[in-house]
Amino acid sequence: MKKLMTSLTFAVVLGASVSAGAADPELCLDCHEPAEDWQGMSAQEILAEAKNTKIKRHADNRELSDEELAAMIAALLKK
């Protein structure tokens, strides 16, 4: 029973850390400079581009909800 609880706890912690990392706005900065790349675009237009999985680097974004992507974009636009 103790091994089961330890395994479940580990799985929850690992899952939370992977999810948190997946929605990290800093990942966008690997390719984008928001002040330049998104100039003149609305948050909705940026969201549409982020969801465009035809863009190879955006393919992983399909794992994120619209709310997660919107929060990432909002955080980057504040900078």
PDB file of N, CA and C in Angstrom:
ATOM      1  N   MET A   1       0.827  -1.192   0.000  1.00  0.00           N
ATOM      2  CA  MET A   1       0.000   0.000   0.000  1.00  0.00           C
ATOM      3  C   MET A   1       0.870   1.255   0.000  1.00  0.00           C
ATOM      4  N   LYS A   2       1.974   1.203   0.754  1.00  0.00           N
ATOM      5  CA  LYS A   2       2.851   2.368   0.821  1.00  0.00           C
ATOM      6  C   LYS A   2       3.472   2.644  -0.547  1.00  0.00           C
ATOM      7  N   LYS A   3       3.844   1.576  -1.280  1.00  0.00           N
ATOM      8  CA  LYS A   3       4.419   1.754  -2.616  1.00  0.00           C
ATOM      9  C   LYS A   3       3.389   2.378  -3.562  1.00  0.00           C
ATOM     10  N   LEU A   4       2.146   1.954  -3.428  1.00  0.00           N
ATOM     11  CA  LEU A   4       1.091   2.495  -4.278  1.00  0.00           C
ATOM     12  C   LEU A   4       0.913   3.989  -4.022  1.00  0.00           C
ATOM     13  N   MET A   5       0.869   4.387  -2.762  1.00  0.00           N
ATOM     14  CA  MET A   5       0.715   5.805  -2.420  1.00  0.00           C
ATOM     15  C   MET A   5       1.908   6.615  -2.913  1.00  0.00           C
ATOM     16  N   THR A   6       3.101   6.075  -2.765  1.00  0.00           N
ATOM     17  CA  THR A   6       4.304   6.763  -3.234  1.00  0.00           C
ATOM     18  C   THR A   6       4.255   6.927  -4.745  1.00  0.00           C
ATOM     19  N   SER A   7       3.859   5.884  -5.443  1.00  0.00           N
ATOM     20  CA  SER A   7       3.761   5.939  -6.903  1.00  0.00           C
ATOM     21  C   SER A   7       2.715   6.948  -7.357  1.00  0.00           C
ATOM     22  N   LEU A   8       1.564   6.949  -6.695  1.00  0.00           N
ATOM     23  CA  LEU A   8       0.509   7.894  -7.053  1.00  0.00           C
ATOM     24  C   LEU A   8       0.942   9.332  -6.798  1.00  0.00           C
ATOM     25  N   THR A   9       1.595   9.567  -5.673  1.00  0.00           N
ATOM     26  CA  THR A   9       2.083  10.910  -5.356  1.00  0.00           C
ATOM     27  C   THR A   9       3.096  11.363  -6.393  1.00  0.00           C
ATOM     28  N   PHE A  10       4.014  10.490  -6.743  1.00  0.00           N
ATOM     29  CA  PHE A  10       5.027  10.811  -7.746  1.00  0.00           C
ATOM     30  C   PHE A  10       4.364  11.134  -9.085  1.00  0.00           C
ATOM     31  N   ALA A  11       3.374  10.345  -9.475  1.00  0.00           N
ATOM     32  CA  ALA A  11       2.690  10.562 -10.754  1.00  0.00           C
ATOM     33  C   ALA A  11       1.980  11.913 -10.780  1.00  0.00           C
ATOM     34  N   VAL A  12       1.344  12.274  -9.681  1.00  0.00           N
ATOM     35  CA  VAL A  12       0.647  13.560  -9.606  1.00  0.00           C
ATOM     36  C   VAL A  12       1.636  14.712  -9.695  1.00  0.00           C
ATOM     37  N   VAL A  13       2.725  14.630  -8.947  1.00  0.00           N
ATOM     38  CA  VAL A  13       3.733  15.691  -8.963  1.00  0.00           C
ATOM     39  C   VAL A  13       4.363  15.796 -10.344  1.00  0.00           C
ATOM     40  N   LEU A  14       4.703  14.687 -10.937  1.00  0.00           N
ATOM     41  CA  LEU A  14       5.309  14.692 -12.267  1.00  0.00           C
ATOM     42  C   LEU A  14       4.331  15.257 -13.292  1.00  0.00           C
ATOM     43  N   GLY A  15       3.091  14.844 -13.225  1.00  0.00           N
ATOM     44  CA  GLY A  15       2.082  15.353 -14.152  1.00  0.00           C
ATOM     45  C   GLY A  15       1.873  16.842 -14.007  1.00  0.00           C
ATOM     46  N   ALA A  16       1.867  17.339 -12.791  1.00  0.00           N
ATOM     47  CA  ALA A  16       1.697  18.774 -12.563  1.00  0.00           C
ATOM     48  C   ALA A  16       2.874  19.556 -13.106  1.00  0.00           C
ATOM     49  N   SER A  17       4.072  19.044 -12.925  1.00  0.00           N
ATOM     50  CA  SER A  17       5.238  19.779 -13.407  1.00  0.00           C
ATOM     51  C   SER A  17       5.311  19.762 -14.928  1.00  0.00           C
ATOM     52  N   VAL A  18       4.897  18.680 -15.561  1.00  0.00           N
ATOM     53  CA  VAL A  18       4.880  18.634 -17.025  1.00  0.00           C
ATOM     54  C   VAL A  18       3.829  19.591 -17.557  1.00  0.00           C
ATOM     55  N   SER A  19       2.648  19.610 -16.946  1.00  0.00           N
ATOM     56  CA  SER A  19       1.595  20.515 -17.385  1.00  0.00           C
ATOM     57  C   SER A  19       2.012  21.961 -17.215  1.00  0.00           C
ATOM     58  N   ALA A  20       2.631  22.270 -16.101  1.00  0.00           N
ATOM     59  CA  ALA A  20       3.066  23.642 -15.853  1.00  0.00           C
ATOM     60  C   ALA A  20       4.111  24.056 -16.868  1.00  0.00           C
ATOM     61  N   GLY A  21       5.001  23.160 -17.203  1.00  0.00           N
ATOM     62  CA  GLY A  21       6.033  23.476 -18.186  1.00  0.00           C
ATOM     63  C   GLY A  21       5.458  23.640 -19.580  1.00  0.00           C
ATOM     64  N   ALA A  22       4.418  22.884 -19.884  1.00  0.00           N
ATOM     65  CA  ALA A  22       3.826  22.943 -21.215  1.00  0.00           C
ATOM     66  C   ALA A  22       3.165  24.289 -21.469  1.00  0.00           C
ATOM     67  N   ALA A  23       2.671  24.939 -20.437  1.00  0.00           N
ATOM     68  CA  ALA A  23       2.002  26.229 -20.583  1.00  0.00           C
ATOM     69  C   ALA A  23       2.916  27.380 -20.182  1.00  0.00           C
ATOM     70  N   ASP A  24       4.191  27.213 -20.346  1.00  0.00           N
ATOM     71  CA  ASP A  24       5.169  28.233 -19.973  1.00  0.00           C
ATOM     72  C   ASP A  24       5.286  29.267 -21.086  1.00  0.00           C
ATOM     73  N   PRO A  25       4.906  30.517 -20.833  1.00  0.00           N
ATOM     74  CA  PRO A  25       4.989  31.547 -21.867  1.00  0.00           C
ATOM     75  C   PRO A  25       6.401  31.749 -22.408  1.00  0.00           C
ATOM     76  N   GLU A  26       7.400  31.444 -21.607  1.00  0.00           N
ATOM     77  CA  GLU A  26       8.785  31.635 -22.039  1.00  0.00           C
ATOM     78  C   GLU A  26       9.135  30.753 -23.236  1.00  0.00           C
ATOM     79  N   LEU A  27       8.385  29.656 -23.426  1.00  0.00           N
ATOM     80  CA  LEU A  27       8.638  28.792 -24.580  1.00  0.00           C
ATOM     81  C   LEU A  27       8.437  29.548 -25.890  1.00  0.00           C
ATOM     82  N   CYS A  28       7.506  30.484 -25.903  1.00  0.00           N
ATOM     83  CA  CYS A  28       7.250  31.270 -27.118  1.00  0.00           C
ATOM     84  C   CYS A  28       8.464  32.119 -27.485  1.00  0.00           C
ATOM     85  N   LEU A  29       9.207  32.512 -26.463  1.00  0.00           N
ATOM     86  CA  LEU A  29      10.341  33.400 -26.691  1.00  0.00           C
ATOM     87  C   LEU A  29      11.523  32.690 -27.328  1.00  0.00           C
ATOM     88  N   ASP A  30      11.440  31.366 -27.456  1.00  0.00           N
ATOM     89  CA  ASP A  30      12.485  30.638 -28.182  1.00  0.00           C
ATOM     90  C   ASP A  30      12.513  31.072 -29.648  1.00  0.00           C
ATOM     91  N   CYS A  31      11.347  31.451 -30.165  1.00  0.00           N
ATOM     92  CA  CYS A  31      11.249  31.827 -31.587  1.00  0.00           C
ATOM     93  C   CYS A  31      10.749  33.253 -31.813  1.00  0.00           C
ATOM     94  N   HIS A  32       9.975  33.768 -30.862  1.00  0.00           N
ATOM     95  CA  HIS A  32       9.292  35.043 -31.079  1.00  0.00           C
ATOM     96  C   HIS A  32       9.860  36.173 -30.235  1.00  0.00           C
ATOM     97  N   GLU A  33       9.832  37.351 -30.818  1.00  0.00           N
ATOM     98  CA  GLU A  33      10.059  38.607 -30.104  1.00  0.00           C
ATOM     99  C   GLU A  33       8.717  39.330 -30.192  1.00  0.00           C
ATOM    100  N   PRO A  34       7.895  39.255 -29.120  1.00  0.00           N
ATOM    101  CA  PRO A  34       6.530  39.773 -29.201  1.00  0.00           C
ATOM    102  C   PRO A  34       6.419  41.198 -29.737  1.00  0.00           C
ATOM    103  N   ALA A  35       7.297  42.085 -29.319  1.00  0.00           N
ATOM    104  CA  ALA A  35       7.208  43.478 -29.765  1.00  0.00           C
ATOM    105  C   ALA A  35       7.361  43.598 -31.280  1.00  0.00           C
ATOM    106  N   GLU A  36       8.088  42.684 -31.879  1.00  0.00           N
ATOM    107  CA  GLU A  36       8.296  42.720 -33.330  1.00  0.00           C
ATOM    108  C   GLU A  36       7.314  41.803 -34.067  1.00  0.00           C
ATOM    109  N   ASP A  37       7.236  40.555 -33.634  1.00  0.00           N
ATOM    110  CA  ASP A  37       6.448  39.556 -34.357  1.00  0.00           C
ATOM    111  C   ASP A  37       4.943  39.786 -34.262  1.00  0.00           C
ATOM    112  N   TRP A  38       4.487  40.342 -33.162  1.00  0.00           N
ATOM    113  CA  TRP A  38       3.053  40.474 -32.935  1.00  0.00           C
ATOM    114  C   TRP A  38       2.574  41.916 -33.013  1.00  0.00           C
ATOM    115  N   GLN A  39       3.416  42.807 -33.498  1.00  0.00           N
ATOM    116  CA  GLN A  39       3.060  44.219 -33.592  1.00  0.00           C
ATOM    117  C   GLN A  39       1.822  44.379 -34.469  1.00  0.00           C
ATOM    118  N   GLY A  40       0.839  45.102 -33.962  1.00  0.00           N
ATOM    119  CA  GLY A  40      -0.389  45.361 -34.706  1.00  0.00           C
ATOM    120  C   GLY A  40      -1.392  44.222 -34.691  1.00  0.00           C
ATOM    121  N   MET A  41      -1.078  43.131 -34.006  1.00  0.00           N
ATOM    122  CA  MET A  41      -1.992  41.988 -33.937  1.00  0.00           C
ATOM    123  C   MET A  41      -2.782  42.035 -32.638  1.00  0.00           C
ATOM    124  N   SER A  42      -4.040  41.629 -32.711  1.00  0.00           N
ATOM    125  CA  SER A  42      -4.846  41.507 -31.497  1.00  0.00           C
ATOM    126  C   SER A  42      -4.502  40.193 -30.806  1.00  0.00           C
ATOM    127  N   ALA A  43      -4.912  40.080 -29.555  1.00  0.00           N
ATOM    128  CA  ALA A  43      -4.679  38.834 -28.814  1.00  0.00           C
ATOM    129  C   ALA A  43      -5.375  37.666 -29.511  1.00  0.00           C
ATOM    130  N   GLN A  44      -6.554  37.918 -30.098  1.00  0.00           N
ATOM    131  CA  GLN A  44      -7.278  36.857 -30.814  1.00  0.00           C
ATOM    132  C   GLN A  44      -6.517  36.401 -32.056  1.00  0.00           C
ATOM    133  N   GLU A  45      -5.888  37.341 -32.762  1.00  0.00           N
ATOM    134  CA  GLU A  45      -5.098  36.980 -33.945  1.00  0.00           C
ATOM    135  C   GLU A  45      -3.869  36.167 -33.548  1.00  0.00           C
ATOM    136  N   ILE A  46      -3.244  36.562 -32.450  1.00  0.00           N
ATOM    137  CA  ILE A  46      -2.071  35.825 -31.960  1.00  0.00           C
ATOM    138  C   ILE A  46      -2.490  34.420 -31.547  1.00  0.00           C
ATOM    139  N   LEU A  47      -3.633  34.317 -30.869  1.00  0.00           N
ATOM    140  CA  LEU A  47      -4.149  33.008 -30.449  1.00  0.00           C
ATOM    141  C   LEU A  47      -4.408  32.119 -31.667  1.00  0.00           C
ATOM    142  N   ALA A  48      -4.994  32.680 -32.702  1.00  0.00           N
ATOM    143  CA  ALA A  48      -5.260  31.901 -33.918  1.00  0.00           C
ATOM    144  C   ALA A  48      -3.958  31.378 -34.523  1.00  0.00           C
ATOM    145  N   GLU A  49      -2.930  32.201 -34.542  1.00  0.00           N
ATOM    146  CA  GLU A  49      -1.632  31.762 -35.065  1.00  0.00           C
ATOM    147  C   GLU A  49      -1.011  30.694 -34.162  1.00  0.00           C
ATOM    148  N   ALA A  50      -1.150  30.864 -32.848  1.00  0.00           N
ATOM    149  CA  ALA A  50      -0.593  29.886 -31.903  1.00  0.00           C
ATOM    150  C   ALA A  50      -1.264  28.526 -32.065  1.00  0.00           C
ATOM    151  N   LYS A  51      -2.541  28.531 -32.451  1.00  0.00           N
ATOM    152  CA  LYS A  51      -3.284  27.286 -32.635  1.00  0.00           C
ATOM    153  C   LYS A  51      -3.061  26.671 -34.013  1.00  0.00           C
ATOM    154  N   ASN A  52      -2.381  27.381 -34.902  1.00  0.00           N
ATOM    155  CA  ASN A  52      -2.135  26.898 -36.261  1.00  0.00           C
ATOM    156  C   ASN A  52      -1.057  25.818 -36.221  1.00  0.00           C
ATOM    157  N   THR A  53      -1.488  24.571 -36.212  1.00  0.00           N
ATOM    158  CA  THR A  53      -0.535  23.462 -36.089  1.00  0.00           C
ATOM    159  C   THR A  53       0.163  23.141 -37.410  1.00  0.00           C
ATOM    160  N   LYS A  54      -0.174  23.852 -38.471  1.00  0.00           N
ATOM    161  CA  LYS A  54       0.585  23.714 -39.717  1.00  0.00           C
ATOM    162  C   LYS A  54       1.971  24.330 -39.550  1.00  0.00           C
ATOM    163  N   ILE A  55       2.088  25.234 -38.577  1.00  0.00           N
ATOM    164  CA  ILE A  55       3.389  25.792 -38.226  1.00  0.00           C
ATOM    165  C   ILE A  55       4.060  24.751 -37.340  1.00  0.00           C
ATOM    166  N   LYS A  56       5.164  24.188 -37.821  1.00  0.00           N
ATOM    167  CA  LYS A  56       5.802  23.046 -37.154  1.00  0.00           C
ATOM    168  C   LYS A  56       6.058  23.301 -35.670  1.00  0.00           C
ATOM    169  N   ARG A  57       6.560  24.474 -35.323  1.00  0.00           N
ATOM    170  CA  ARG A  57       6.888  24.761 -33.924  1.00  0.00           C
ATOM    171  C   ARG A  57       5.646  24.940 -33.055  1.00  0.00           C
ATOM    172  N   HIS A  58       4.473  25.080 -33.668  1.00  0.00           N
ATOM    173  CA  HIS A  58       3.234  25.244 -32.913  1.00  0.00           C
ATOM    174  C   HIS A  58       2.497  23.923 -32.718  1.00  0.00           C
ATOM    175  N   ALA A  59       3.018  22.830 -33.252  1.00  0.00           N
ATOM    176  CA  ALA A  59       2.325  21.538 -33.187  1.00  0.00           C
ATOM    177  C   ALA A  59       2.026  21.113 -31.752  1.00  0.00           C
ATOM    178  N   ASP A  60       2.936  21.382 -30.828  1.00  0.00           N
ATOM    179  CA  ASP A  60       2.718  20.994 -29.429  1.00  0.00           C
ATOM    180  C   ASP A  60       1.606  21.801 -28.771  1.00  0.00           C
ATOM    181  N   ASN A  61       1.247  22.931 -29.351  1.00  0.00           N
ATOM    182  CA  ASN A  61       0.206  23.770 -28.760  1.00  0.00           C
ATOM    183  C   ASN A  61      -1.156  23.092 -28.766  1.00  0.00           C
ATOM    184  N   ARG A  62      -1.329  22.053 -29.595  1.00  0.00           N
ATOM    185  CA  ARG A  62      -2.632  21.373 -29.627  1.00  0.00           C
ATOM    186  C   ARG A  62      -2.939  20.722 -28.279  1.00  0.00           C
ATOM    187  N   GLU A  63      -1.916  20.496 -27.464  1.00  0.00           N
ATOM    188  CA  GLU A  63      -2.114  19.899 -26.140  1.00  0.00           C
ATOM    189  C   GLU A  63      -2.630  20.914 -25.127  1.00  0.00           C
ATOM    190  N   LEU A  64      -2.589  22.196 -25.478  1.00  0.00           N
ATOM    191  CA  LEU A  64      -3.009  23.251 -24.561  1.00  0.00           C
ATOM    192  C   LEU A  64      -4.421  23.712 -24.892  1.00  0.00           C
ATOM    193  N   SER A  65      -5.156  24.091 -23.860  1.00  0.00           N
ATOM    194  CA  SER A  65      -6.503  24.624 -24.077  1.00  0.00           C
ATOM    195  C   SER A  65      -6.402  26.065 -24.573  1.00  0.00           C
ATOM    196  N   ASP A  66      -7.504  26.567 -25.103  1.00  0.00           N
ATOM    197  CA  ASP A  66      -7.535  27.969 -25.529  1.00  0.00           C
ATOM    198  C   ASP A  66      -7.227  28.893 -24.357  1.00  0.00           C
ATOM    199  N   GLU A  67      -7.724  28.521 -23.176  1.00  0.00           N
ATOM    200  CA  GLU A  67      -7.499  29.344 -21.991  1.00  0.00           C
ATOM    201  C   GLU A  67      -6.019  29.384 -21.617  1.00  0.00           C
ATOM    202  N   GLU A  68      -5.344  28.242 -21.712  1.00  0.00           N
ATOM    203  CA  GLU A  68      -3.913  28.198 -21.406  1.00  0.00           C
ATOM    204  C   GLU A  68      -3.112  29.030 -22.404  1.00  0.00           C
ATOM    205  N   LEU A  69      -3.434  28.885 -23.686  1.00  0.00           N
ATOM    206  CA  LEU A  69      -2.736  29.672 -24.704  1.00  0.00           C
ATOM    207  C   LEU A  69      -3.006  31.163 -24.519  1.00  0.00           C
ATOM    208  N   ALA A  70      -4.265  31.514 -24.239  1.00  0.00           N
ATOM    209  CA  ALA A  70      -4.613  32.923 -24.039  1.00  0.00           C
ATOM    210  C   ALA A  70      -3.871  33.502 -22.835  1.00  0.00           C
ATOM    211  N   ALA A  71      -3.736  32.720 -21.769  1.00  0.00           N
ATOM    212  CA  ALA A  71      -3.003  33.187 -20.586  1.00  0.00           C
ATOM    213  C   ALA A  71      -1.521  33.387 -20.907  1.00  0.00           C
ATOM    214  N   MET A  72      -0.959  32.485 -21.699  1.00  0.00           N
ATOM    215  CA  MET A  72       0.444  32.628 -22.099  1.00  0.00           C
ATOM    216  C   MET A  72       0.638  33.901 -22.920  1.00  0.00           C
ATOM    217  N   ILE A  73      -0.264  34.136 -23.857  1.00  0.00           N
ATOM    218  CA  ILE A  73      -0.174  35.317 -24.716  1.00  0.00           C
ATOM    219  C   ILE A  73      -0.331  36.582 -23.891  1.00  0.00           C
ATOM    220  N   ALA A  74      -1.300  36.585 -22.976  1.00  0.00           N
ATOM    221  CA  ALA A  74      -1.512  37.762 -22.126  1.00  0.00           C
ATOM    222  C   ALA A  74      -0.272  38.064 -21.297  1.00  0.00           C
ATOM    223  N   ALA A  75       0.359  37.029 -20.765  1.00  0.00           N
ATOM    224  CA  ALA A  75       1.572  37.231 -19.961  1.00  0.00           C
ATOM    225  C   ALA A  75       2.688  37.834 -20.806  1.00  0.00           C
ATOM    226  N   LEU A  76       2.819  37.388 -22.038  1.00  0.00           N
ATOM    227  CA  LEU A  76       3.875  37.906 -22.911  1.00  0.00           C
ATOM    228  C   LEU A  76       3.581  39.320 -23.386  1.00  0.00           C
ATOM    229  N   LEU A  77       2.318  39.645 -23.596  1.00  0.00           N
ATOM    230  CA  LEU A  77       1.966  40.988 -24.047  1.00  0.00           C
ATOM    231  C   LEU A  77       2.171  42.030 -22.952  1.00  0.00           C
ATOM    232  N   LYS A  78       2.154  41.600 -21.693  1.00  0.00           N
ATOM    233  CA  LYS A  78       2.387  42.520 -20.567  1.00  0.00           C
ATOM    234  C   LYS A  78       3.837  42.954 -20.477  1.00  0.00           C
ATOM    235  N   LYS A  79       4.738  42.146 -21.030  1.00  0.00           N
ATOM    236  CA  LYS A  79       6.175  42.425 -20.902  1.00  0.00           C
ATOM    237  C   LYS A  79       6.589  43.582 -21.762  1.00  0.00           C
TER     238      LYS A  79
END
